[in-house]
Amino acid sequence: MTESRINRIREAVESRSEELVGLLESFVAIPSENPPGSHLRDAQAWIGDRLTDYDIPFESHSTSRTGGDQAGAIDHVVQDQELQNDLSQRGRARAAQFSWQRTAQRTTEIFRTVTDQ
């Protein structure tokens, strides 16, 4: 990457520094615990809202069958062979959508968009 392009990226990030700080401040205001627990849905909702703000597509999944209980959700999957097969197939199909090549291409596109503004 050329020095000129690096400088354009830096300038683009610096020009949006207040926006980036605001995003970080609002995210870290969500209480957290490790492992994620009672505020996980708040964090997921916040991330989903920000992705929507930037027109970035995403998928959200919940464990609504178990009322948000993670242990119950795991137990449900362990006991349901049909669900295991479905999740396995969907997981493989989803993983096939990603590759290092596509990630590199998309990252390059984003850098070009940022530096061409």
N, C-alpha and C. Protein backbone atom coordinates (compact mmCIF):
# COMPACT_ATOMS: atom_id res chain seq x y z
N MET A 1 0.85 -1.16 0.00
CA MET A 1 0.00 0.00 0.00
C MET A 1 0.90 1.23 0.00
N THR A 2 0.56 2.18 -0.81
CA THR A 2 1.40 3.38 -0.92
C THR A 2 1.20 4.31 0.27
N GLU A 3 2.19 5.13 0.50
CA GLU A 3 2.12 6.11 1.58
C GLU A 3 0.94 7.05 1.38
N SER A 4 0.67 7.40 0.14
CA SER A 4 -0.46 8.28 -0.18
C SER A 4 -1.79 7.65 0.25
N ARG A 5 -1.95 6.39 -0.08
CA ARG A 5 -3.19 5.69 0.29
C ARG A 5 -3.30 5.58 1.81
N ILE A 6 -2.22 5.27 2.49
CA ILE A 6 -2.23 5.18 3.95
C ILE A 6 -2.65 6.52 4.55
N ASN A 7 -2.11 7.60 4.03
CA ASN A 7 -2.46 8.92 4.53
C ASN A 7 -3.95 9.23 4.30
N ARG A 8 -4.49 8.82 3.16
CA ARG A 8 -5.91 9.05 2.88
C ARG A 8 -6.78 8.26 3.86
N ILE A 9 -6.36 7.04 4.18
CA ILE A 9 -7.11 6.25 5.15
C ILE A 9 -7.06 6.92 6.52
N ARG A 10 -5.89 7.36 6.92
CA ARG A 10 -5.76 8.04 8.21
C ARG A 10 -6.64 9.29 8.26
N GLU A 11 -6.61 10.07 7.19
CA GLU A 11 -7.43 11.28 7.14
C GLU A 11 -8.92 10.96 7.22
N ALA A 12 -9.33 9.90 6.52
CA ALA A 12 -10.74 9.52 6.54
C ALA A 12 -11.16 9.08 7.95
N VAL A 13 -10.31 8.32 8.63
CA VAL A 13 -10.63 7.88 9.99
C VAL A 13 -10.64 9.08 10.92
N GLU A 14 -9.65 9.95 10.80
CA GLU A 14 -9.59 11.14 11.66
C GLU A 14 -10.79 12.06 11.43
N SER A 15 -11.26 12.15 10.21
CA SER A 15 -12.41 13.03 9.93
C SER A 15 -13.69 12.51 10.56
N ARG A 16 -13.70 11.22 10.91
CA ARG A 16 -14.89 10.63 11.54
C ARG A 16 -14.61 10.22 12.99
N SER A 17 -13.58 10.80 13.57
CA SER A 17 -13.17 10.37 14.92
C SER A 17 -14.27 10.61 15.94
N GLU A 18 -15.00 11.72 15.86
CA GLU A 18 -16.08 11.98 16.82
C GLU A 18 -17.16 10.91 16.70
N GLU A 19 -17.49 10.53 15.47
CA GLU A 19 -18.49 9.48 15.25
C GLU A 19 -18.00 8.16 15.83
N LEU A 20 -16.74 7.82 15.61
CA LEU A 20 -16.19 6.57 16.13
C LEU A 20 -16.17 6.56 17.66
N VAL A 21 -15.79 7.69 18.26
CA VAL A 21 -15.79 7.79 19.72
C VAL A 21 -17.22 7.63 20.25
N GLY A 22 -18.18 8.26 19.59
CA GLY A 22 -19.58 8.15 20.00
C GLY A 22 -20.07 6.71 19.93
N LEU A 23 -19.71 6.01 18.87
CA LEU A 23 -20.08 4.61 18.75
C LEU A 23 -19.50 3.79 19.90
N LEU A 24 -18.23 4.00 20.18
CA LEU A 24 -17.57 3.25 21.24
C LEU A 24 -18.19 3.58 22.59
N GLU A 25 -18.44 4.86 22.85
CA GLU A 25 -19.04 5.25 24.13
C GLU A 25 -20.39 4.61 24.34
N SER A 26 -21.23 4.60 23.29
CA SER A 26 -22.56 4.03 23.45
C SER A 26 -22.50 2.51 23.60
N PHE A 27 -21.52 1.87 22.99
CA PHE A 27 -21.40 0.41 23.12
C PHE A 27 -20.91 0.02 24.50
N VAL A 28 -19.88 0.69 25.00
CA VAL A 28 -19.34 0.30 26.30
C VAL A 28 -20.28 0.68 27.44
N ALA A 29 -21.30 1.48 27.18
CA ALA A 29 -22.29 1.81 28.20
C ALA A 29 -23.21 0.62 28.51
N ILE A 30 -23.22 -0.38 27.62
CA ILE A 30 -24.03 -1.59 27.86
C ILE A 30 -23.29 -2.43 28.89
N PRO A 31 -23.96 -2.72 30.02
CA PRO A 31 -23.29 -3.55 31.04
C PRO A 31 -22.83 -4.88 30.43
N SER A 32 -21.71 -5.37 30.90
CA SER A 32 -21.20 -6.64 30.36
C SER A 32 -20.77 -7.55 31.49
N GLU A 33 -20.74 -8.80 31.18
CA GLU A 33 -20.24 -9.81 32.11
C GLU A 33 -19.61 -10.91 31.26
N ASN A 34 -18.72 -11.66 31.87
CA ASN A 34 -18.04 -12.70 31.14
C ASN A 34 -18.25 -14.02 31.86
N PRO A 35 -18.84 -15.01 31.27
CA PRO A 35 -19.31 -15.05 29.89
C PRO A 35 -20.57 -14.21 29.71
N PRO A 36 -20.87 -13.83 28.47
CA PRO A 36 -22.04 -12.99 28.22
C PRO A 36 -23.29 -13.59 28.84
N GLY A 37 -24.11 -12.73 29.38
CA GLY A 37 -25.31 -13.23 30.04
C GLY A 37 -26.48 -12.30 29.88
N SER A 38 -26.84 -11.67 30.96
CA SER A 38 -28.11 -10.94 31.00
C SER A 38 -28.18 -9.76 30.04
N HIS A 39 -27.08 -9.20 29.61
CA HIS A 39 -27.12 -8.05 28.71
C HIS A 39 -26.71 -8.39 27.28
N LEU A 40 -26.61 -9.68 26.99
CA LEU A 40 -26.19 -10.10 25.66
C LEU A 40 -27.16 -9.58 24.60
N ARG A 41 -28.45 -9.68 24.86
CA ARG A 41 -29.42 -9.22 23.87
C ARG A 41 -29.31 -7.72 23.64
N ASP A 42 -29.01 -6.95 24.69
CA ASP A 42 -28.81 -5.50 24.52
C ASP A 42 -27.64 -5.23 23.58
N ALA A 43 -26.55 -5.96 23.77
CA ALA A 43 -25.38 -5.78 22.91
C ALA A 43 -25.69 -6.21 21.48
N GLN A 44 -26.40 -7.33 21.33
CA GLN A 44 -26.77 -7.78 19.98
C GLN A 44 -27.67 -6.75 19.30
N ALA A 45 -28.62 -6.20 20.03
CA ALA A 45 -29.53 -5.21 19.44
C ALA A 45 -28.76 -3.96 19.04
N TRP A 46 -27.82 -3.53 19.88
CA TRP A 46 -27.03 -2.34 19.57
C TRP A 46 -26.22 -2.55 18.30
N ILE A 47 -25.57 -3.70 18.20
CA ILE A 47 -24.76 -4.00 17.01
C ILE A 47 -25.66 -4.06 15.78
N GLY A 48 -26.80 -4.71 15.89
CA GLY A 48 -27.74 -4.78 14.77
C GLY A 48 -28.20 -3.40 14.32
N ASP A 49 -28.51 -2.54 15.28
CA ASP A 49 -28.93 -1.17 14.94
C ASP A 49 -27.83 -0.40 14.21
N ARG A 50 -26.59 -0.55 14.68
CA ARG A 50 -25.48 0.17 14.01
C ARG A 50 -25.25 -0.38 12.60
N LEU A 51 -25.32 -1.69 12.44
CA LEU A 51 -25.16 -2.27 11.11
C LEU A 51 -26.26 -1.76 10.18
N THR A 52 -27.48 -1.69 10.69
CA THR A 52 -28.59 -1.16 9.90
C THR A 52 -28.34 0.30 9.53
N ASP A 53 -27.83 1.08 10.49
CA ASP A 53 -27.52 2.50 10.22
C ASP A 53 -26.58 2.64 9.03
N TYR A 54 -25.66 1.68 8.89
CA TYR A 54 -24.66 1.75 7.82
C TYR A 54 -25.02 0.86 6.63
N ASP A 55 -26.26 0.42 6.57
CA ASP A 55 -26.75 -0.42 5.47
C ASP A 55 -25.89 -1.67 5.27
N ILE A 56 -25.47 -2.28 6.37
CA ILE A 56 -24.68 -3.51 6.31
C ILE A 56 -25.60 -4.67 6.65
N PRO A 57 -25.76 -5.63 5.74
CA PRO A 57 -26.66 -6.75 6.03
C PRO A 57 -26.10 -7.65 7.13
N PHE A 58 -27.01 -8.23 7.91
CA PHE A 58 -26.61 -9.13 8.98
C PHE A 58 -27.76 -10.07 9.29
N GLU A 59 -27.44 -11.12 10.01
CA GLU A 59 -28.44 -12.07 10.49
C GLU A 59 -28.38 -12.10 12.01
N SER A 60 -29.53 -12.17 12.63
CA SER A 60 -29.58 -12.25 14.09
C SER A 60 -30.31 -13.53 14.47
N HIS A 61 -29.76 -14.25 15.41
CA HIS A 61 -30.37 -15.51 15.86
C HIS A 61 -30.55 -15.45 17.37
N SER A 62 -31.65 -16.00 17.85
CA SER A 62 -31.87 -16.04 19.28
C SER A 62 -32.27 -17.44 19.70
N THR A 63 -32.31 -17.64 20.98
CA THR A 63 -32.73 -18.92 21.53
C THR A 63 -34.13 -18.78 22.09
N SER A 64 -35.03 -18.21 21.31
CA SER A 64 -36.37 -17.90 21.80
C SER A 64 -37.12 -19.14 22.29
N ARG A 65 -36.81 -20.32 21.74
CA ARG A 65 -37.49 -21.54 22.18
C ARG A 65 -37.23 -21.83 23.65
N THR A 66 -36.14 -21.32 24.15
CA THR A 66 -35.80 -21.60 25.54
C THR A 66 -35.85 -20.33 26.38
N GLY A 67 -36.45 -19.27 25.84
CA GLY A 67 -36.58 -18.04 26.60
C GLY A 67 -35.27 -17.33 26.86
N GLY A 68 -34.26 -17.54 26.03
CA GLY A 68 -32.97 -16.89 26.20
C GLY A 68 -32.02 -17.64 27.11
N ASP A 69 -32.43 -18.78 27.63
CA ASP A 69 -31.60 -19.58 28.52
C ASP A 69 -30.57 -20.35 27.69
N GLN A 70 -29.29 -19.98 27.82
CA GLN A 70 -28.25 -20.60 27.00
C GLN A 70 -28.09 -22.08 27.30
N ALA A 71 -28.12 -22.47 28.56
CA ALA A 71 -27.98 -23.89 28.90
C ALA A 71 -29.16 -24.68 28.34
N GLY A 72 -30.35 -24.11 28.42
CA GLY A 72 -31.53 -24.76 27.87
C GLY A 72 -31.44 -24.91 26.37
N ALA A 73 -30.87 -23.89 25.71
CA ALA A 73 -30.73 -23.95 24.26
C ALA A 73 -29.76 -25.06 23.86
N ILE A 74 -28.66 -25.16 24.58
CA ILE A 74 -27.68 -26.22 24.30
C ILE A 74 -28.30 -27.59 24.53
N ASP A 75 -29.01 -27.72 25.63
CA ASP A 75 -29.67 -28.99 25.94
C ASP A 75 -30.68 -29.35 24.85
N HIS A 76 -31.40 -28.35 24.36
CA HIS A 76 -32.38 -28.58 23.30
C HIS A 76 -31.69 -29.13 22.04
N VAL A 77 -30.56 -28.55 21.67
CA VAL A 77 -29.83 -29.01 20.49
C VAL A 77 -29.28 -30.42 20.71
N VAL A 78 -28.74 -30.67 21.90
CA VAL A 78 -28.18 -31.99 22.20
C VAL A 78 -29.23 -33.08 22.08
N GLN A 79 -30.46 -32.78 22.46
CA GLN A 79 -31.51 -33.79 22.47
C GLN A 79 -32.27 -33.92 21.15
N ASP A 80 -32.04 -33.04 20.19
CA ASP A 80 -32.83 -33.03 18.96
C ASP A 80 -31.92 -33.30 17.75
N GLN A 81 -31.86 -34.55 17.31
CA GLN A 81 -30.98 -34.94 16.20
C GLN A 81 -31.34 -34.20 14.92
N GLU A 82 -32.62 -34.02 14.65
CA GLU A 82 -33.05 -33.31 13.44
C GLU A 82 -32.56 -31.86 13.46
N LEU A 83 -32.66 -31.21 14.62
CA LEU A 83 -32.16 -29.85 14.76
C LEU A 83 -30.64 -29.82 14.58
N GLN A 84 -29.94 -30.79 15.14
CA GLN A 84 -28.49 -30.86 14.97
C GLN A 84 -28.12 -30.92 13.49
N ASN A 85 -28.81 -31.79 12.76
CA ASN A 85 -28.53 -31.93 11.32
C ASN A 85 -28.82 -30.63 10.58
N ASP A 86 -29.94 -29.99 10.91
CA ASP A 86 -30.31 -28.73 10.26
C ASP A 86 -29.27 -27.65 10.53
N LEU A 87 -28.89 -27.50 11.80
CA LEU A 87 -27.89 -26.50 12.16
C LEU A 87 -26.55 -26.78 11.50
N SER A 88 -26.19 -28.05 11.43
CA SER A 88 -24.94 -28.44 10.80
C SER A 88 -24.93 -28.07 9.32
N GLN A 89 -26.01 -28.41 8.62
CA GLN A 89 -26.10 -28.08 7.19
C GLN A 89 -26.10 -26.58 6.96
N ARG A 90 -26.88 -25.86 7.78
CA ARG A 90 -26.92 -24.40 7.61
C ARG A 90 -25.58 -23.76 7.96
N GLY A 91 -24.90 -24.30 8.97
CA GLY A 91 -23.59 -23.79 9.34
C GLY A 91 -22.57 -23.97 8.22
N ARG A 92 -22.57 -25.15 7.60
CA ARG A 92 -21.65 -25.39 6.49
C ARG A 92 -21.97 -24.48 5.30
N ALA A 93 -23.26 -24.30 5.02
CA ALA A 93 -23.65 -23.43 3.90
C ALA A 93 -23.22 -21.99 4.19
N ARG A 94 -23.40 -21.55 5.43
CA ARG A 94 -23.01 -20.19 5.80
C ARG A 94 -21.49 -20.04 5.72
N ALA A 95 -20.76 -21.01 6.22
CA ALA A 95 -19.29 -20.94 6.19
C ALA A 95 -18.77 -20.90 4.75
N ALA A 96 -19.46 -21.57 3.84
CA ALA A 96 -19.04 -21.59 2.43
C ALA A 96 -19.14 -20.21 1.79
N GLN A 97 -19.90 -19.32 2.40
CA GLN A 97 -20.03 -17.97 1.87
C GLN A 97 -18.80 -17.11 2.15
N PHE A 98 -17.91 -17.60 2.99
CA PHE A 98 -16.75 -16.82 3.40
C PHE A 98 -15.46 -17.46 2.88
N SER A 99 -14.51 -16.61 2.56
CA SER A 99 -13.18 -17.09 2.19
C SER A 99 -12.21 -15.94 2.44
N TRP A 100 -10.95 -16.29 2.58
CA TRP A 100 -9.94 -15.24 2.76
C TRP A 100 -9.89 -14.35 1.53
N GLN A 101 -10.07 -14.95 0.35
CA GLN A 101 -10.05 -14.17 -0.89
C GLN A 101 -11.16 -13.12 -0.90
N ARG A 102 -12.39 -13.55 -0.56
CA ARG A 102 -13.51 -12.60 -0.54
C ARG A 102 -13.31 -11.54 0.54
N THR A 103 -12.76 -11.95 1.68
CA THR A 103 -12.51 -10.99 2.75
C THR A 103 -11.50 -9.95 2.30
N ALA A 104 -10.45 -10.39 1.65
CA ALA A 104 -9.44 -9.45 1.15
C ALA A 104 -10.03 -8.52 0.10
N GLN A 105 -10.84 -9.06 -0.79
CA GLN A 105 -11.46 -8.22 -1.82
C GLN A 105 -12.38 -7.18 -1.20
N ARG A 106 -13.21 -7.60 -0.24
CA ARG A 106 -14.15 -6.68 0.41
C ARG A 106 -13.40 -5.62 1.20
N THR A 107 -12.34 -6.01 1.90
CA THR A 107 -11.54 -5.05 2.66
C THR A 107 -10.92 -4.02 1.71
N THR A 108 -10.42 -4.48 0.58
CA THR A 108 -9.84 -3.57 -0.41
C THR A 108 -10.91 -2.61 -0.94
N GLU A 109 -12.11 -3.12 -1.20
CA GLU A 109 -13.20 -2.25 -1.66
C GLU A 109 -13.52 -1.17 -0.63
N ILE A 110 -13.55 -1.56 0.64
CA ILE A 110 -13.85 -0.59 1.69
C ILE A 110 -12.76 0.46 1.77
N PHE A 111 -11.50 0.05 1.72
CA PHE A 111 -10.40 1.01 1.74
C PHE A 111 -10.50 1.96 0.55
N ARG A 112 -10.81 1.43 -0.61
CA ARG A 112 -10.93 2.28 -1.79
C ARG A 112 -12.07 3.27 -1.64
N THR A 113 -13.19 2.82 -1.10
CA THR A 113 -14.33 3.71 -0.88
C THR A 113 -13.96 4.83 0.08
N VAL A 114 -13.29 4.46 1.17
CA VAL A 114 -12.91 5.45 2.19
C VAL A 114 -11.91 6.45 1.62
N THR A 115 -10.95 5.97 0.86
CA THR A 115 -9.90 6.86 0.36
C THR A 115 -10.34 7.68 -0.84
N ASP A 116 -11.40 7.26 -1.52
CA ASP A 116 -11.87 8.03 -2.67
C ASP A 116 -12.84 9.14 -2.29
N GLN A 117 -13.22 9.23 -1.03
CA GLN A 117 -14.17 10.27 -0.60
C GLN A 117 -13.51 11.61 -0.50
